[in-house]
Amino acid sequence: MNLREAIEGKEYIIKSINTDDEELNAFLFSLGCYDGEKITVVTHRKGGCTVSVKDARYSIDNQLAEAIIV
């Protein structure tokens, strides 16, 4: 399941990041978003969602949300 399909307020463990873009992988890693890390979808919006990783909140678009597998 990806983050677009995740239930708001439920904590998940990131299983993988499905992207071929090394720069994007490095960016996500710098945010603390990598395999084995806990992530929570705070809210879904039309253009994306807000997630909580390591006590910080980030707004991500739908394309990125689909690349994060939980």
C-alpha atoms as a PDB file:
ATOM      1  CA  MET A   1       0.000   0.000   0.000  1.00  0.00           C
ATOM      2  CA  ASN A   2       1.257   3.519  -0.697  1.00  0.00           C
ATOM      3  CA  LEU A   3       0.676   6.696   1.324  1.00  0.00           C
ATOM      4  CA  ARG A   4      -2.237   7.813  -0.851  1.00  0.00           C
ATOM      5  CA  GLU A   5      -4.113   4.720   0.315  1.00  0.00           C
ATOM      6  CA  ALA A   6      -3.065   5.069   3.976  1.00  0.00           C
ATOM      7  CA  ILE A   7      -5.553   5.868   6.715  1.00  0.00           C
ATOM      8  CA  GLU A   8      -5.189   9.283   8.352  1.00  0.00           C
ATOM      9  CA  GLY A   9      -3.802   9.188  11.886  1.00  0.00           C
ATOM     10  CA  LYS A  10      -2.496   5.613  11.684  1.00  0.00           C
ATOM     11  CA  GLU A  11       1.233   4.995  12.085  1.00  0.00           C
ATOM     12  CA  TYR A  12       2.933   2.923   9.378  1.00  0.00           C
ATOM     13  CA  ILE A  13       6.440   1.591   8.750  1.00  0.00           C
ATOM     14  CA  ILE A  14       8.039   2.544   5.425  1.00  0.00           C
ATOM     15  CA  LYS A  15       8.770  -0.644   3.474  1.00  0.00           C
ATOM     16  CA  SER A  16      10.339   0.959   0.410  1.00  0.00           C
ATOM     17  CA  ILE A  17      10.655   4.079  -1.720  1.00  0.00           C
ATOM     18  CA  ASN A  18       9.872   3.352  -5.373  1.00  0.00           C
ATOM     19  CA  THR A  19      11.648   6.034  -7.362  1.00  0.00           C
ATOM     20  CA  ASP A  20      14.505   5.981  -9.848  1.00  0.00           C
ATOM     21  CA  ASP A  21      15.552   9.543  -9.014  1.00  0.00           C
ATOM     22  CA  GLU A  22      18.674   9.436  -6.812  1.00  0.00           C
ATOM     23  CA  GLU A  23      18.315  13.127  -5.953  1.00  0.00           C
ATOM     24  CA  LEU A  24      14.788  12.532  -4.692  1.00  0.00           C
ATOM     25  CA  ASN A  25      15.964   9.520  -2.666  1.00  0.00           C
ATOM     26  CA  ALA A  26      18.683  11.655  -1.071  1.00  0.00           C
ATOM     27  CA  PHE A  27      16.145  14.391  -0.284  1.00  0.00           C
ATOM     28  CA  LEU A  28      13.753  11.932   1.368  1.00  0.00           C
ATOM     29  CA  PHE A  29      16.612  10.402   3.340  1.00  0.00           C
ATOM     30  CA  SER A  30      17.565  13.873   4.629  1.00  0.00           C
ATOM     31  CA  LEU A  31      13.981  14.273   5.902  1.00  0.00           C
ATOM     32  CA  GLY A  32      14.236  10.961   7.749  1.00  0.00           C
ATOM     33  CA  CYS A  33      12.024   9.155   5.262  1.00  0.00           C
ATOM     34  CA  TYR A  34      13.661   5.773   4.543  1.00  0.00           C
ATOM     35  CA  ASP A  35      13.018   2.028   4.884  1.00  0.00           C
ATOM     36  CA  GLY A  36      12.066   0.974   8.404  1.00  0.00           C
ATOM     37  CA  GLU A  37      11.129   4.482   9.597  1.00  0.00           C
ATOM     38  CA  LYS A  38       7.711   5.245  11.123  1.00  0.00           C
ATOM     39  CA  ILE A  39       5.426   7.602   9.177  1.00  0.00           C
ATOM     40  CA  THR A  40       1.898   8.899   9.805  1.00  0.00           C
ATOM     41  CA  VAL A  41      -0.469  10.523   7.314  1.00  0.00           C
ATOM     42  CA  VAL A  42      -1.862  13.547   9.134  1.00  0.00           C
ATOM     43  CA  THR A  43      -4.318  14.575   6.409  1.00  0.00           C
ATOM     44  CA  HIS A  44      -5.125  13.909   2.765  1.00  0.00           C
ATOM     45  CA  ARG A  45      -5.681  16.844   0.414  1.00  0.00           C
ATOM     46  CA  LYS A  46      -6.599  17.123  -3.246  1.00  0.00           C
ATOM     47  CA  GLY A  47      -3.004  17.730  -4.390  1.00  0.00           C
ATOM     48  CA  GLY A  48      -1.218  15.519  -1.864  1.00  0.00           C
ATOM     49  CA  CYS A  49      -1.014  14.890   1.851  1.00  0.00           C
ATOM     50  CA  THR A  50       0.644  16.011   5.047  1.00  0.00           C
ATOM     51  CA  VAL A  51       2.810  13.425   6.771  1.00  0.00           C
ATOM     52  CA  SER A  52       4.600  13.233  10.097  1.00  0.00           C
ATOM     53  CA  VAL A  53       8.107  11.741  10.206  1.00  0.00           C
ATOM     54  CA  LYS A  54      10.354  11.956  13.284  1.00  0.00           C
ATOM     55  CA  ASP A  55       8.190  14.604  15.008  1.00  0.00           C
ATOM     56  CA  ALA A  56       8.214  16.865  11.933  1.00  0.00           C
ATOM     57  CA  ARG A  57       5.422  17.495   9.448  1.00  0.00           C
ATOM     58  CA  TYR A  58       5.882  17.695   5.692  1.00  0.00           C
ATOM     59  CA  SER A  59       3.534  18.364   2.816  1.00  0.00           C
ATOM     60  CA  ILE A  60       4.101  16.000  -0.119  1.00  0.00           C
ATOM     61  CA  ASP A  61       2.409  15.779  -3.507  1.00  0.00           C
ATOM     62  CA  ASN A  62       0.441  12.784  -4.769  1.00  0.00           C
ATOM     63  CA  GLN A  63       3.254  11.529  -7.004  1.00  0.00           C
ATOM     64  CA  LEU A  64       5.645  11.311  -4.062  1.00  0.00           C
ATOM     65  CA  ALA A  65       2.951   9.794  -1.824  1.00  0.00           C
ATOM     66  CA  GLU A  66       2.477   7.016  -4.371  1.00  0.00           C
ATOM     67  CA  ALA A  67       6.224   6.294  -4.369  1.00  0.00           C
ATOM     68  CA  ILE A  68       6.354   5.682  -0.596  1.00  0.00           C
ATOM     69  CA  ILE A  69       5.271   2.112   0.142  1.00  0.00           C
ATOM     70  CA  VAL A  70       4.113   1.260   3.669  1.00  0.00           C
END
